[in-house]
Amino acid sequence: MENRVRLTIESGVAHLRLNRPDKMNALDPAMFKAIIEAGTQLGARKDVRAAVISGEGRAFCAGLDLDRLIATANGDPLLPSIDLTRRTHSIANYAQHLVWLWRELPVPVIAAVHGVAFGGGFQFALGADFRYFAPGTKLAIIEAKWGLVPDMCGTHLARHLAREDIVRELTYTGRIFSAEEALAYGFATRMFDDPVAAALATAHEIASRSPDAIRAAKRLLNLSATSDEATGLAAETAEQAALLGTPNHAEAVRSNLNRPPRWSYS
């Protein structure tokens, strides 16, 4: 995993850094494996309260490795030994799982994006709860350029962030657009000269809240994207009932009155 990503955890905040800077963090089979292993590891940890994903070097992620694209044109599979027609990870195939696992991670995830985020790299950023972009970042749903379609959850996630016509135009043309446009479209949450520092600061702020409440909030917000109103409202009630009177609810109240919190982890 260390050959493709760097993972650190400090004070409840995980930081996953794509670590293939000589290739602008392009997604080769080893990168797929490393990202999925890191996300799986974080998902199992009770002490992680927020996560940041970023890229080393001059780019967040340039998308699928060029060698793999060339190989597919010669009839090879997109990922060797992987059957992408199979739902191997619940509703997702292996490639989609690289993105979807961050949406399903129990804690909030912030993508800190700079340089470029093309194709699979852009879709990877969409799997985060929200995205901080550096000015000058270039983005693209670039698959049409290569005679392909977004196949890493992009068509599903993008339509919840931007207008449908915007998503269609970007998908059909594959044109490169700016961070400033991304902010106007709804893909970017905020812009910072140093998005990594800003993302880490926000992650630590989230980590200072009750871990039970934050995880419950993410479950509710994930559910709201796919459920009807009745289901969503019932889920709100159930989550709140499960929080009221718990040790971390009481700790949140007490800490707001006179001292820093001391959270417990179930």
Protein backbone atom coordinates (compact mmCIF):
# COMPACT_ATOMS: atom_id res chain seq x y z
CA MET A 1 0.00 0.00 0.00
CA GLU A 2 2.88 2.37 0.81
CA ASN A 3 4.02 2.19 -2.82
CA ARG A 4 0.89 3.98 -4.01
CA VAL A 5 -0.66 5.81 -1.03
CA ARG A 6 0.38 7.27 2.31
CA LEU A 7 -2.02 6.94 5.20
CA THR A 8 -1.63 8.77 8.50
CA ILE A 9 -4.02 9.12 11.45
CA GLU A 10 -3.69 11.93 13.96
CA SER A 11 -6.18 12.92 16.68
CA GLY A 12 -8.96 10.99 14.98
CA VAL A 13 -8.31 12.44 11.51
CA ALA A 14 -7.11 10.13 8.74
CA HIS A 15 -5.20 11.58 5.78
CA LEU A 16 -4.89 9.46 2.64
CA ARG A 17 -2.41 10.88 0.12
CA LEU A 18 -2.17 9.40 -3.37
CA ASN A 19 1.54 8.84 -3.82
CA ARG A 20 2.41 8.39 -7.48
CA PRO A 21 3.49 11.95 -8.23
CA ASP A 22 5.63 11.08 -11.25
CA LYS A 23 2.43 9.90 -13.00
CA MET A 24 0.17 12.63 -11.57
CA ASN A 25 -1.33 9.92 -9.32
CA ALA A 26 -2.86 8.09 -12.27
CA LEU A 27 -4.90 5.02 -11.40
CA ASP A 28 -3.08 1.80 -12.24
CA PRO A 29 -4.06 -1.61 -10.80
CA ALA A 30 -1.72 -1.11 -7.82
CA MET A 31 -3.30 2.27 -7.07
CA PHE A 32 -6.79 0.76 -7.17
CA LYS A 33 -5.71 -1.94 -4.72
CA ALA A 34 -3.98 0.50 -2.37
CA ILE A 35 -6.88 2.96 -2.20
CA ILE A 36 -9.39 0.19 -1.57
CA GLU A 37 -7.19 -1.38 1.12
CA ALA A 38 -6.78 1.97 2.87
CA GLY A 39 -10.50 2.75 2.77
CA THR A 40 -11.37 -0.71 4.06
CA GLN A 41 -8.92 -0.29 6.92
CA LEU A 42 -10.37 3.09 7.90
CA GLY A 43 -13.93 1.82 7.73
CA ALA A 44 -13.17 -0.75 10.41
CA ARG A 45 -11.60 1.71 12.87
CA LYS A 46 -13.73 3.19 15.65
CA ASP A 47 -11.13 5.84 16.51
CA VAL A 48 -11.27 7.55 13.09
CA ARG A 49 -13.70 10.49 13.14
CA ALA A 50 -13.02 12.20 9.79
CA ALA A 51 -10.87 11.63 6.70
CA VAL A 52 -9.09 13.75 4.09
CA ILE A 53 -7.98 12.51 0.67
CA SER A 54 -5.41 14.41 -1.38
CA GLY A 55 -2.69 13.89 -3.98
CA GLU A 56 1.06 14.28 -3.72
CA GLY A 57 2.96 16.30 -6.30
CA ARG A 58 1.37 18.54 -8.90
CA ALA A 59 -2.02 16.83 -9.24
CA PHE A 60 -4.82 15.23 -7.30
CA CYS A 61 -5.36 12.43 -9.82
CA ALA A 62 -5.07 12.41 -13.62
CA GLY A 63 -7.48 9.49 -14.02
CA LEU A 64 -6.86 6.04 -15.43
CA ASP A 65 -3.25 5.21 -16.22
CA LEU A 66 -2.47 5.78 -19.91
CA ASP A 67 -0.93 2.31 -20.27
CA ARG A 68 -4.23 0.76 -19.20
CA LEU A 69 -6.15 2.87 -21.72
CA ILE A 70 -3.83 1.75 -24.50
CA ALA A 71 -4.17 -1.85 -23.37
CA THR A 72 -7.97 -1.71 -23.54
CA ALA A 73 -7.77 -0.48 -27.13
CA ASN A 74 -5.83 -3.68 -27.88
CA GLY A 75 -8.57 -5.82 -26.35
CA ASP A 76 -7.23 -6.24 -22.83
CA PRO A 77 -9.54 -5.82 -19.79
CA LEU A 78 -9.60 -2.46 -18.03
CA LEU A 79 -8.12 -4.08 -14.92
CA PRO A 80 -6.29 -7.42 -15.33
CA SER A 81 -8.00 -10.41 -13.70
CA ILE A 82 -10.99 -8.27 -12.65
CA ASP A 83 -14.45 -8.96 -14.09
CA LEU A 84 -16.14 -5.55 -13.95
CA THR A 85 -19.49 -6.99 -15.05
CA ARG A 86 -19.85 -8.61 -11.60
CA ARG A 87 -21.26 -6.81 -8.52
CA THR A 88 -18.39 -7.88 -6.27
CA HIS A 89 -18.89 -5.23 -3.57
CA SER A 90 -22.61 -5.01 -2.73
CA ILE A 91 -24.12 -2.73 -5.41
CA ALA A 92 -20.71 -1.88 -6.94
CA ASN A 93 -18.11 -3.57 -9.08
CA TYR A 94 -14.42 -3.41 -8.18
CA ALA A 95 -13.70 -0.10 -9.94
CA GLN A 96 -16.84 1.57 -8.56
CA HIS A 97 -15.95 0.33 -5.09
CA LEU A 98 -12.85 2.56 -5.13
CA VAL A 99 -15.22 5.55 -5.11
CA TRP A 100 -18.31 4.21 -3.39
CA LEU A 101 -16.49 2.94 -0.31
CA TRP A 102 -15.69 6.56 0.63
CA ARG A 103 -19.36 7.48 0.32
CA GLU A 104 -20.16 4.55 2.61
CA LEU A 105 -17.28 5.21 5.02
CA PRO A 106 -18.98 5.78 8.40
CA VAL A 107 -17.26 9.16 8.90
CA PRO A 108 -17.16 12.35 6.79
CA VAL A 109 -14.61 12.48 3.97
CA ILE A 110 -13.15 15.68 2.49
CA ALA A 111 -11.35 15.70 -0.87
CA ALA A 112 -8.60 18.33 -1.17
CA VAL A 113 -8.13 18.76 -4.92
CA HIS A 114 -5.38 20.60 -6.80
CA GLY A 115 -3.69 20.49 -10.19
CA VAL A 116 -5.91 18.18 -12.20
CA ALA A 117 -8.72 15.74 -11.51
CA PHE A 118 -9.64 14.01 -14.75
CA GLY A 119 -11.87 11.01 -15.43
CA GLY A 120 -11.51 8.49 -12.62
CA GLY A 121 -9.72 11.12 -10.54
CA PHE A 122 -12.71 13.45 -10.78
CA GLN A 123 -15.08 10.60 -9.92
CA PHE A 124 -12.89 9.67 -6.94
CA ALA A 125 -13.29 13.22 -5.61
CA LEU A 126 -17.07 12.96 -6.03
CA GLY A 127 -17.09 10.06 -3.56
CA ALA A 128 -16.15 12.45 -0.75
CA ASP A 129 -18.78 14.18 1.36
CA PHE A 130 -17.48 17.51 0.08
CA ARG A 131 -14.59 18.95 -1.91
CA TYR A 132 -12.14 21.83 -1.38
CA PHE A 133 -10.46 22.97 -4.61
CA ALA A 134 -7.36 25.04 -5.23
CA PRO A 135 -7.72 27.95 -7.67
CA GLY A 136 -6.48 26.94 -11.11
CA THR A 137 -7.42 23.28 -10.74
CA LYS A 138 -8.47 21.67 -14.02
CA LEU A 139 -11.22 19.06 -14.10
CA ALA A 140 -12.90 16.90 -16.71
CA ILE A 141 -15.36 14.08 -17.15
CA ILE A 142 -12.98 13.06 -19.87
CA GLU A 143 -14.08 9.52 -20.75
CA ALA A 144 -15.76 10.57 -24.02
CA LYS A 145 -12.33 11.59 -25.35
CA TRP A 146 -11.30 7.95 -25.09
CA GLY A 147 -14.54 6.50 -26.46
CA LEU A 148 -15.76 5.46 -23.03
CA VAL A 149 -18.28 6.52 -20.35
CA PRO A 150 -17.78 7.40 -16.66
CA ASP A 151 -17.93 4.04 -14.91
CA MET A 152 -16.79 4.76 -11.34
CA CYS A 153 -20.09 6.08 -9.89
CA GLY A 154 -19.66 9.38 -11.76
CA THR A 155 -23.01 9.49 -13.54
CA HIS A 156 -24.83 8.79 -10.28
CA LEU A 157 -22.88 11.13 -7.99
CA ALA A 158 -22.54 14.07 -10.39
CA ARG A 159 -26.28 14.45 -10.92
CA HIS A 160 -26.80 15.07 -7.20
CA LEU A 161 -24.36 17.99 -7.26
CA ALA A 162 -24.87 19.84 -10.54
CA ARG A 163 -27.81 20.52 -12.85
CA GLU A 164 -28.61 17.65 -15.18
CA ASP A 165 -27.88 19.68 -18.31
CA ILE A 166 -24.46 20.67 -16.96
CA VAL A 167 -23.61 17.04 -16.20
CA ARG A 168 -24.76 15.99 -19.66
CA GLU A 169 -22.76 18.70 -21.43
CA LEU A 170 -19.56 17.88 -19.53
CA THR A 171 -20.04 14.14 -20.07
CA TYR A 172 -20.82 14.35 -23.79
CA THR A 173 -18.03 16.81 -24.63
CA GLY A 174 -15.32 15.72 -22.20
CA ARG A 175 -14.22 19.35 -22.04
CA ILE A 176 -11.82 20.58 -19.38
CA PHE A 177 -13.35 23.04 -16.91
CA SER A 178 -11.92 25.16 -14.13
CA ALA A 179 -12.22 25.06 -10.35
CA GLU A 180 -14.11 28.33 -10.58
CA GLU A 181 -16.63 26.72 -12.93
CA ALA A 182 -16.81 23.69 -10.64
CA LEU A 183 -17.75 25.97 -7.76
CA ALA A 184 -20.52 27.57 -9.82
CA TYR A 185 -21.78 24.17 -11.00
CA GLY A 186 -21.88 22.68 -7.48
CA PHE A 187 -18.97 20.21 -7.68
CA ALA A 188 -16.69 22.30 -5.47
CA THR A 189 -17.76 23.09 -1.92
CA ARG A 190 -15.23 25.88 -1.33
CA MET A 191 -11.95 27.14 -2.76
CA PHE A 192 -8.70 27.62 -0.85
CA ASP A 193 -5.13 28.47 -1.82
CA ASP A 194 -4.13 25.48 0.32
CA PRO A 195 -7.02 23.01 0.15
CA VAL A 196 -5.14 20.33 2.09
CA ALA A 197 -4.60 22.60 5.09
CA ALA A 198 -8.21 23.76 4.92
CA ALA A 199 -9.52 20.20 4.65
CA LEU A 200 -7.44 19.05 7.61
CA ALA A 201 -8.65 22.01 9.69
CA THR A 202 -12.28 21.16 8.89
CA ALA A 203 -11.67 17.47 9.57
CA HIS A 204 -10.26 18.28 13.02
CA GLU A 205 -13.27 20.50 13.70
CA ILE A 206 -15.57 17.59 12.79
CA ALA A 207 -13.47 15.28 14.96
CA SER A 208 -14.15 17.53 17.93
CA ARG A 209 -17.88 16.68 17.74
CA SER A 210 -19.61 13.62 19.16
CA PRO A 211 -18.52 10.65 17.01
CA ASP A 212 -21.95 9.07 17.49
CA ALA A 213 -23.78 12.15 16.22
CA ILE A 214 -21.48 12.61 13.21
CA ARG A 215 -21.80 8.99 12.12
CA ALA A 216 -25.57 9.18 12.54
CA ALA A 217 -25.69 12.37 10.49
CA LYS A 218 -23.75 10.75 7.65
CA ARG A 219 -26.10 7.76 7.64
CA LEU A 220 -29.08 10.12 7.39
CA LEU A 221 -27.59 12.23 4.62
CA ASN A 222 -26.58 9.15 2.62
CA LEU A 223 -30.08 7.76 3.03
CA SER A 224 -31.67 11.03 1.91
CA ALA A 225 -30.11 10.69 -1.55
CA THR A 226 -31.96 7.45 -2.28
CA SER A 227 -35.08 7.33 -0.04
CA ASP A 228 -38.54 8.87 -0.06
CA GLU A 229 -39.64 11.49 2.45
CA ALA A 230 -41.41 9.07 4.78
CA THR A 231 -38.36 6.83 5.03
CA GLY A 232 -36.07 9.79 5.65
CA LEU A 233 -38.22 11.34 8.35
CA ALA A 234 -38.62 8.01 10.14
CA ALA A 235 -34.86 7.51 10.02
CA GLU A 236 -34.30 10.95 11.58
CA THR A 237 -36.53 9.99 14.47
CA ALA A 238 -34.81 6.65 14.96
CA GLU A 239 -31.30 8.13 14.90
CA GLN A 240 -32.24 10.88 17.35
CA ALA A 241 -33.89 8.42 19.72
CA ALA A 242 -30.74 6.32 19.66
CA LEU A 243 -28.59 9.36 20.58
CA LEU A 244 -30.67 10.95 23.32
CA GLY A 245 -29.42 10.19 26.81
CA THR A 246 -26.29 8.36 25.68
CA PRO A 247 -22.91 9.07 27.32
CA ASN A 248 -21.70 11.07 24.30
CA HIS A 249 -24.91 13.13 24.19
CA ALA A 250 -24.47 13.98 27.86
CA GLU A 251 -20.77 14.69 27.26
CA ALA A 252 -21.61 17.08 24.41
CA VAL A 253 -23.97 19.03 26.63
CA ARG A 254 -21.52 19.19 29.53
CA SER A 255 -18.56 20.15 27.34
CA ASN A 256 -20.48 23.02 25.79
CA LEU A 257 -20.99 24.41 29.26
CA ASN A 258 -17.55 24.37 30.83
CA ARG A 259 -14.83 22.03 29.46
CA PRO A 260 -13.44 20.17 26.43
CA PRO A 261 -15.22 16.92 25.57
CA ARG A 262 -14.02 13.44 26.47
CA TRP A 263 -15.70 11.13 23.95
CA SER A 264 -16.28 7.41 24.36
CA TYR A 265 -16.31 4.90 21.49
CA SER A 266 -18.76 2.04 21.29
